[in-house]
Structure formats: C-alpha cells, structure tokens
PDB file of N, CA and C in Angstrom:
ATOM      1  N   MET A   1     139.370 113.320 130.356  1.00  0.00           N
ATOM      2  CA  MET A   1     139.528 112.198 129.453  1.00  0.00           C
ATOM      3  C   MET A   1     138.363 111.221 129.617  1.00  0.00           C
ATOM      4  N   VAL A   2     137.997 110.909 130.844  1.00  0.00           N
ATOM      5  CA  VAL A   2     136.873 110.005 131.073  1.00  0.00           C
ATOM      6  C   VAL A   2     135.579 110.658 130.614  1.00  0.00           C
ATOM      7  N   PHE A   3     135.435 111.953 130.901  1.00  0.00           N
ATOM      8  CA  PHE A   3     134.225 112.670 130.510  1.00  0.00           C
ATOM      9  C   PHE A   3     134.074 112.706 128.991  1.00  0.00           C
ATOM     10  N   GLN A   4     135.168 112.884 128.276  1.00  0.00           N
ATOM     11  CA  GLN A   4     135.121 112.895 126.810  1.00  0.00           C
ATOM     12  C   GLN A   4     134.712 111.521 126.269  1.00  0.00           C
ATOM     13  N   TYR A   5     135.218 110.463 126.897  1.00  0.00           N
ATOM     14  CA  TYR A   5     134.852 109.117 126.464  1.00  0.00           C
ATOM     15  C   TYR A   5     133.368 108.859 126.688  1.00  0.00           C
ATOM     16  N   LEU A   6     132.860 109.300 127.846  1.00  0.00           N
ATOM     17  CA  LEU A   6     131.435 109.116 128.125  1.00  0.00           C
ATOM     18  C   LEU A   6     130.575 109.895 127.141  1.00  0.00           C
ATOM     19  N   ARG A   7     130.965 111.120 126.830  1.00  0.00           N
ATOM     20  CA  ARG A   7     130.201 111.916 125.857  1.00  0.00           C
ATOM     21  C   ARG A   7     130.212 111.259 124.482  1.00  0.00           C
ATOM     22  N   ARG A   8     131.381 110.755 124.064  1.00  0.00           N
ATOM     23  CA  ARG A   8     131.491 110.131 122.744  1.00  0.00           C
ATOM     24  C   ARG A   8     130.680 108.839 122.680  1.00  0.00           C
ATOM     25  N   SER A   9     130.750 108.033 123.729  1.00  0.00           N
ATOM     26  CA  SER A   9     129.996 106.778 123.707  1.00  0.00           C
ATOM     27  C   SER A   9     128.491 107.047 123.808  1.00  0.00           C
ATOM     28  N   ALA A  10     128.087 108.101 124.512  1.00  0.00           N
ATOM     29  CA  ALA A  10     126.668 108.445 124.574  1.00  0.00           C
ATOM     30  C   ALA A  10     126.173 108.910 123.219  1.00  0.00           C
ATOM     31  N   ARG A  11     127.024 109.554 122.459  1.00  0.00           N
ATOM     32  CA  ARG A  11     126.633 110.037 121.129  1.00  0.00           C
ATOM     33  C   ARG A  11     126.672 108.920 120.084  1.00  0.00           C
ATOM     34  N   ASP A  12     127.708 108.082 120.118  1.00  0.00           N
ATOM     35  CA  ASP A  12     127.883 107.062 119.082  1.00  0.00           C
ATOM     36  C   ASP A  12     127.016 105.825 119.304  1.00  0.00           C
ATOM     37  N   SER A  13     126.877 105.384 120.526  1.00  0.00           N
ATOM     38  CA  SER A  13     126.054 104.200 120.811  1.00  0.00           C
ATOM     39  C   SER A  13     125.257 104.442 122.096  1.00  0.00           C
ATOM     40  N   PRO A  14     124.156 105.178 121.977  1.00  0.00           N
ATOM     41  CA  PRO A  14     123.397 105.543 123.183  1.00  0.00           C
ATOM     42  C   PRO A  14     122.760 104.348 123.895  1.00  0.00           C
ATOM     43  N   TYR A  15     122.415 103.301 123.164  1.00  0.00           N
ATOM     44  CA  TYR A  15     121.775 102.143 123.794  1.00  0.00           C
ATOM     45  C   TYR A  15     122.744 101.404 124.704  1.00  0.00           C
ATOM     46  N   ILE A  16     124.002 101.297 124.314  1.00  0.00           N
ATOM     47  CA  ILE A  16     124.999 100.646 125.162  1.00  0.00           C
ATOM     48  C   ILE A  16     125.321 101.544 126.358  1.00  0.00           C
ATOM     49  N   PHE A  17     125.466 102.836 126.109  1.00  0.00           N
ATOM     50  CA  PHE A  17     125.747 103.783 127.194  1.00  0.00           C
ATOM     51  C   PHE A  17     124.626 103.763 128.229  1.00  0.00           C
ATOM     52  N   THR A  18     123.376 103.767 127.764  1.00  0.00           N
ATOM     53  CA  THR A  18     122.234 103.757 128.674  1.00  0.00           C
ATOM     54  C   THR A  18     122.194 102.472 129.479  1.00  0.00           C
ATOM     55  N   SER A  19     122.509 101.346 128.871  1.00  0.00           N
ATOM     56  CA  SER A  19     122.487 100.082 129.606  1.00  0.00           C
ATOM     57  C   SER A  19     123.560 100.068 130.693  1.00  0.00           C
ATOM     58  N   PHE A  20     124.714 100.653 130.429  1.00  0.00           N
ATOM     59  CA  PHE A  20     125.753 100.727 131.463  1.00  0.00           C
ATOM     60  C   PHE A  20     125.344 101.672 132.590  1.00  0.00           C
ATOM     61  N   VAL A  21     124.666 102.750 132.270  1.00  0.00           N
ATOM     62  CA  VAL A  21     124.204 103.678 133.309  1.00  0.00           C
ATOM     63  C   VAL A  21     123.175 102.997 134.202  1.00  0.00           C
ATOM     64  N   VAL A  22     122.231 102.288 133.598  1.00  0.00           N
ATOM     65  CA  VAL A  22     121.209 101.589 134.385  1.00  0.00           C
ATOM     66  C   VAL A  22     121.854 100.503 135.244  1.00  0.00           C
ATOM     67  N   ALA A  23     122.824  99.790 134.691  1.00  0.00           N
ATOM     68  CA  ALA A  23     123.510  98.740 135.449  1.00  0.00           C
ATOM     69  C   ALA A  23     124.321  99.328 136.601  1.00  0.00           C
ATOM     70  N   ALA A  24     124.828 100.528 136.452  1.00  0.00           N
ATOM     71  CA  ALA A  24     125.588 101.160 137.523  1.00  0.00           C
ATOM     72  C   ALA A  24     124.670 101.691 138.621  1.00  0.00           C
ATOM     73  N   ILE A  25     123.459 102.082 138.271  1.00  0.00           N
ATOM     74  CA  ILE A  25     122.522 102.615 139.255  1.00  0.00           C
ATOM     75  C   ILE A  25     121.912 101.497 140.098  1.00  0.00           C
ATOM     76  N   GLY A  26     121.806 100.282 139.584  1.00  0.00           N
ATOM     77  CA  GLY A  26     121.174  99.170 140.291  1.00  0.00           C
ATOM     78  C   GLY A  26     121.722  98.907 141.682  1.00  0.00           C
ATOM     79  N   PRO A  27     123.026  98.692 141.855  1.00  0.00           N
ATOM     80  CA  PRO A  27     123.557  98.444 143.201  1.00  0.00           C
ATOM     81  C   PRO A  27     123.342  99.616 144.164  1.00  0.00           C
ATOM     82  N   VAL A  28     123.360 100.825 143.639  1.00  0.00           N
ATOM     83  CA  VAL A  28     123.114 101.994 144.489  1.00  0.00           C
ATOM     84  C   VAL A  28     121.681 101.955 145.014  1.00  0.00           C
ATOM     85  N   LEU A  29     120.736 101.571 144.166  1.00  0.00           N
ATOM     86  CA  LEU A  29     119.342 101.497 144.587  1.00  0.00           C
ATOM     87  C   LEU A  29     119.121 100.380 145.597  1.00  0.00           C
ATOM     88  N   VAL A  30     119.835  99.272 145.448  1.00  0.00           N
ATOM     89  CA  VAL A  30     119.686  98.159 146.395  1.00  0.00           C
ATOM     90  C   VAL A  30     120.058  98.605 147.801  1.00  0.00           C
ATOM     91  N   VAL A  31     121.057  99.449 147.918  1.00  0.00           N
ATOM     92  CA  VAL A  31     121.478  99.939 149.228  1.00  0.00           C
ATOM     93  C   VAL A  31     120.633 101.127 149.677  1.00  0.00           C
ATOM     94  N   GLY A  32     120.276 102.000 148.755  1.00  0.00           N
ATOM     95  CA  GLY A  32     119.627 103.256 149.113  1.00  0.00           C
ATOM     96  C   GLY A  32     118.141 103.185 149.376  1.00  0.00           C
ATOM     97  N   VAL A  33     117.406 102.399 148.616  1.00  0.00           N
ATOM     98  CA  VAL A  33     115.947 102.381 148.740  1.00  0.00           C
ATOM     99  C   VAL A  33     115.478 101.884 150.111  1.00  0.00           C
ATOM    100  N   PRO A  34     115.990 100.782 150.647  1.00  0.00           N
ATOM    101  CA  PRO A  34     115.535 100.379 151.986  1.00  0.00           C
ATOM    102  C   PRO A  34     115.826 101.426 153.064  1.00  0.00           C
ATOM    103  N   ALA A  35     116.944 102.108 152.952  1.00  0.00           N
ATOM    104  CA  ALA A  35     117.270 103.142 153.937  1.00  0.00           C
ATOM    105  C   ALA A  35     116.288 104.305 153.853  1.00  0.00           C
ATOM    106  N   VAL A  36     115.928 104.707 152.655  1.00  0.00           N
ATOM    107  CA  VAL A  36     114.963 105.804 152.483  1.00  0.00           C
ATOM    108  C   VAL A  36     113.589 105.373 152.969  1.00  0.00           C
ATOM    109  N   ARG A  37     113.182 104.144 152.653  1.00  0.00           N
ATOM    110  CA  ARG A  37     111.881 103.650 153.123  1.00  0.00           C
ATOM    111  C   ARG A  37     111.820 103.637 154.643  1.00  0.00           C
ATOM    112  N   LYS A  38     112.895 103.171 155.276  1.00  0.00           N
ATOM    113  CA  LYS A  38     112.926 103.100 156.734  1.00  0.00           C
ATOM    114  C   LYS A  38     112.871 104.498 157.344  1.00  0.00           C
ATOM    115  N   SER A  39     113.572 105.441 156.746  1.00  0.00           N
ATOM    116  CA  SER A  39     113.582 106.796 157.285  1.00  0.00           C
ATOM    117  C   SER A  39     112.221 107.474 157.144  1.00  0.00           C
ATOM    118  N   GLN A  40     111.409 107.033 156.182  1.00  0.00           N
ATOM    119  CA  GLN A  40     110.084 107.622 155.993  1.00  0.00           C
ATOM    120  C   GLN A  40     108.997 106.854 156.733  1.00  0.00           C
ATOM    121  N   GLY A  41     109.382 105.851 157.527  1.00  0.00           N
ATOM    122  CA  GLY A  41     108.427 105.149 158.376  1.00  0.00           C
ATOM    123  C   GLY A  41     107.684 104.013 157.706  1.00  0.00           C
ATOM    124  N   TYR A  42     108.206 103.460 156.638  1.00  0.00           N
ATOM    125  CA  TYR A  42     107.548 102.334 155.964  1.00  0.00           C
ATOM    126  C   TYR A  42     107.630 101.092 156.840  1.00  0.00           C
ATOM    127  N   VAL A  43     106.506 100.409 156.981  1.00  0.00           N
ATOM    128  CA  VAL A  43     106.452  99.159 157.742  1.00  0.00           C
ATOM    129  C   VAL A  43     106.062  98.049 156.772  1.00  0.00           C
ATOM    130  N   SER A  44     106.815  96.960 156.787  1.00  0.00           N
ATOM    131  CA  SER A  44     106.518  95.847 155.888  1.00  0.00           C
ATOM    132  C   SER A  44     105.161  95.234 156.236  1.00  0.00           C
ATOM    133  N   PRO A  45     104.394  94.816 155.234  1.00  0.00           N
ATOM    134  CA  PRO A  45     103.097  94.186 155.523  1.00  0.00           C
ATOM    135  C   PRO A  45     103.290  92.809 156.150  1.00  0.00           C
ATOM    136  N   ALA A  46     102.227  92.320 156.782  1.00  0.00           N
ATOM    137  CA  ALA A  46     102.273  90.991 157.395  1.00  0.00           C
ATOM    138  C   ALA A  46     102.446  89.932 156.315  1.00  0.00           C
ATOM    139  N   ARG A  47     103.132  88.844 156.681  1.00  0.00           N
ATOM    140  CA  ARG A  47     103.352  87.773 155.705  1.00  0.00           C
ATOM    141  C   ARG A  47     102.047  87.072 155.366  1.00  0.00           C
ATOM    142  N   ILE A  48     101.938  86.633 154.131  1.00  0.00           N
ATOM    143  CA  ILE A  48     100.786  85.863 153.688  1.00  0.00           C
ATOM    144  C   ILE A  48     100.933  84.451 154.238  1.00  0.00           C
ATOM    145  N   PRO A  49      99.867  83.867 154.796  1.00  0.00           N
ATOM    146  CA  PRO A  49      99.988  82.513 155.352  1.00  0.00           C
ATOM    147  C   PRO A  49     100.371  81.498 154.282  1.00  0.00           C
ATOM    148  N   ASP A  50     101.242  80.565 154.651  1.00  0.00           N
ATOM    149  CA  ASP A  50     101.681  79.529 153.721  1.00  0.00           C
ATOM    150  C   ASP A  50     100.727  78.335 153.702  1.00  0.00           C
ATOM    151  N   THR A  51      99.987  78.112 154.786  1.00  0.00           N
ATOM    152  CA  THR A  51      99.087  76.972 154.863  1.00  0.00           C
ATOM    153  C   THR A  51      97.710  77.432 155.312  1.00  0.00           C
ATOM    154  N   TYR A  52      96.741  76.588 155.094  1.00  0.00           N
ATOM    155  CA  TYR A  52      95.387  76.864 155.534  1.00  0.00           C
ATOM    156  C   TYR A  52      95.252  76.393 156.981  1.00  0.00           C
ATOM    157  N   PRO A  53      94.686  77.209 157.864  1.00  0.00           N
ATOM    158  CA  PRO A  53      94.593  76.778 159.263  1.00  0.00           C
ATOM    159  C   PRO A  53      93.623  75.603 159.421  1.00  0.00           C
ATOM    160  N   LEU A  54      94.036  74.589 160.152  1.00  0.00           N
ATOM    161  CA  LEU A  54      93.203  73.413 160.384  1.00  0.00           C
ATOM    162  C   LEU A  54      92.255  73.668 161.547  1.00  0.00           C
ATOM    163  N   PRO A  55      91.039  73.142 161.496  1.00  0.00           N
ATOM    164  CA  PRO A  55      90.110  73.332 162.607  1.00  0.00           C
ATOM    165  C   PRO A  55      90.577  72.565 163.845  1.00  0.00           C
ATOM    166  N   GLN A  56      90.261  73.110 165.011  1.00  0.00           N
ATOM    167  CA  GLN A  56      90.669  72.497 166.278  1.00  0.00           C
ATOM    168  C   GLN A  56      89.577  71.529 166.754  1.00  0.00           C
ATOM    169  N   ARG A  57      89.413  70.428 166.039  1.00  0.00           N
ATOM    170  CA  ARG A  57      88.432  69.407 166.397  1.00  0.00           C
ATOM    171  C   ARG A  57      88.922  68.075 165.853  1.00  0.00           C
ATOM    172  N   ALA A  58      88.241  67.027 166.230  1.00  0.00           N
ATOM    173  CA  ALA A  58      88.610  65.701 165.735  1.00  0.00           C
ATOM    174  C   ALA A  58      88.341  65.631 164.239  1.00  0.00           C
ATOM    175  N   ARG A  59      89.258  65.045 163.541  1.00  0.00           N
ATOM    176  CA  ARG A  59      89.090  64.929 162.096  1.00  0.00           C
ATOM    177  C   ARG A  59      88.635  63.515 161.781  1.00  0.00           C
ATOM    178  N   ASN A  60      87.488  63.411 161.137  1.00  0.00           N
ATOM    179  CA  ASN A  60      86.960  62.113 160.750  1.00  0.00           C
ATOM    180  C   ASN A  60      87.285  61.864 159.286  1.00  0.00           C
ATOM    181  N   PRO A  61      88.075  60.841 159.009  1.00  0.00           N
ATOM    182  CA  PRO A  61      88.394  60.587 157.604  1.00  0.00           C
ATOM    183  C   PRO A  61      87.139  60.070 156.869  1.00  0.00           C
ATOM    184  N   PRO A  62      86.947  60.442 155.610  1.00  0.00           N
ATOM    185  CA  PRO A  62      85.779  59.978 154.864  1.00  0.00           C
ATOM    186  C   PRO A  62      85.861  58.482 154.601  1.00  0.00           C
ATOM    187  N   SER A  63      84.730  57.854 154.598  1.00  0.00           N
ATOM    188  CA  SER A  63      84.690  56.427 154.278  1.00  0.00           C
ATOM    189  C   SER A  63      83.741  56.250 153.094  1.00  0.00           C
ATOM    190  N   GLY A  64      84.135  55.446 152.180  1.00  0.00           N
ATOM    191  CA  GLY A  64      83.306  55.239 150.995  1.00  0.00           C
ATOM    192  C   GLY A  64      83.430  56.396 150.033  1.00  0.00           C
ATOM    193  N   TYR A  65      82.266  56.889 149.557  1.00  0.00           N
ATOM    194  CA  TYR A  65      82.273  57.936 148.552  1.00  0.00           C
ATOM    195  C   TYR A  65      81.861  59.291 149.114  1.00  0.00           C
ATOM    196  N   GLU A  66      81.980  59.543 150.404  1.00  0.00           N
ATOM    197  CA  GLU A  66      81.649  60.836 150.965  1.00  0.00           C
ATOM    198  C   GLU A  66      82.832  61.775 150.733  1.00  0.00           C
ATOM    199  N   ASP A  67      82.643  62.762 149.974  1.00  0.00           N
ATOM    200  CA  ASP A  67      83.725  63.717 149.723  1.00  0.00           C
ATOM    201  C   ASP A  67      83.587  64.896 150.596  1.00  0.00           C
TER     202      ASP A  67
END
C-alpha cells in the first residue's frame, strides 16, 4: 500500500516526490558523512586566525598627521 502510494505520487507529481526524498536523505547524511570521513582518515584543517598578530614591541601611538 505504501509502495503503491509512492509510485503514484512519483508519477503524478514528481517535483513534490523528489523534494520529500531529498528532505528525507538530509538527516541521514548529517549523521553518516562525518562517520565516513573519519573512517577514511580525514583530518580537519587548521582554523583560520580571527585576528592579526600584534608585534611584540612597544607601540608608539601616532601624533599629528603621521599615519
């Protein structure tokens, strides 16, 4: 009965059927992809720095029009 409904909806409105299939696959991929990546030895890249490193010296503030 469920299989007949799926076949009929795939034939009568394929765009709605396809959207439901893609929506059903999404949560499976959220759980499955990280596990597969880990099993194949994927290592996450280093984080991009959020700030620019400051020099390790005395900072002289500009005076006047020295930019």
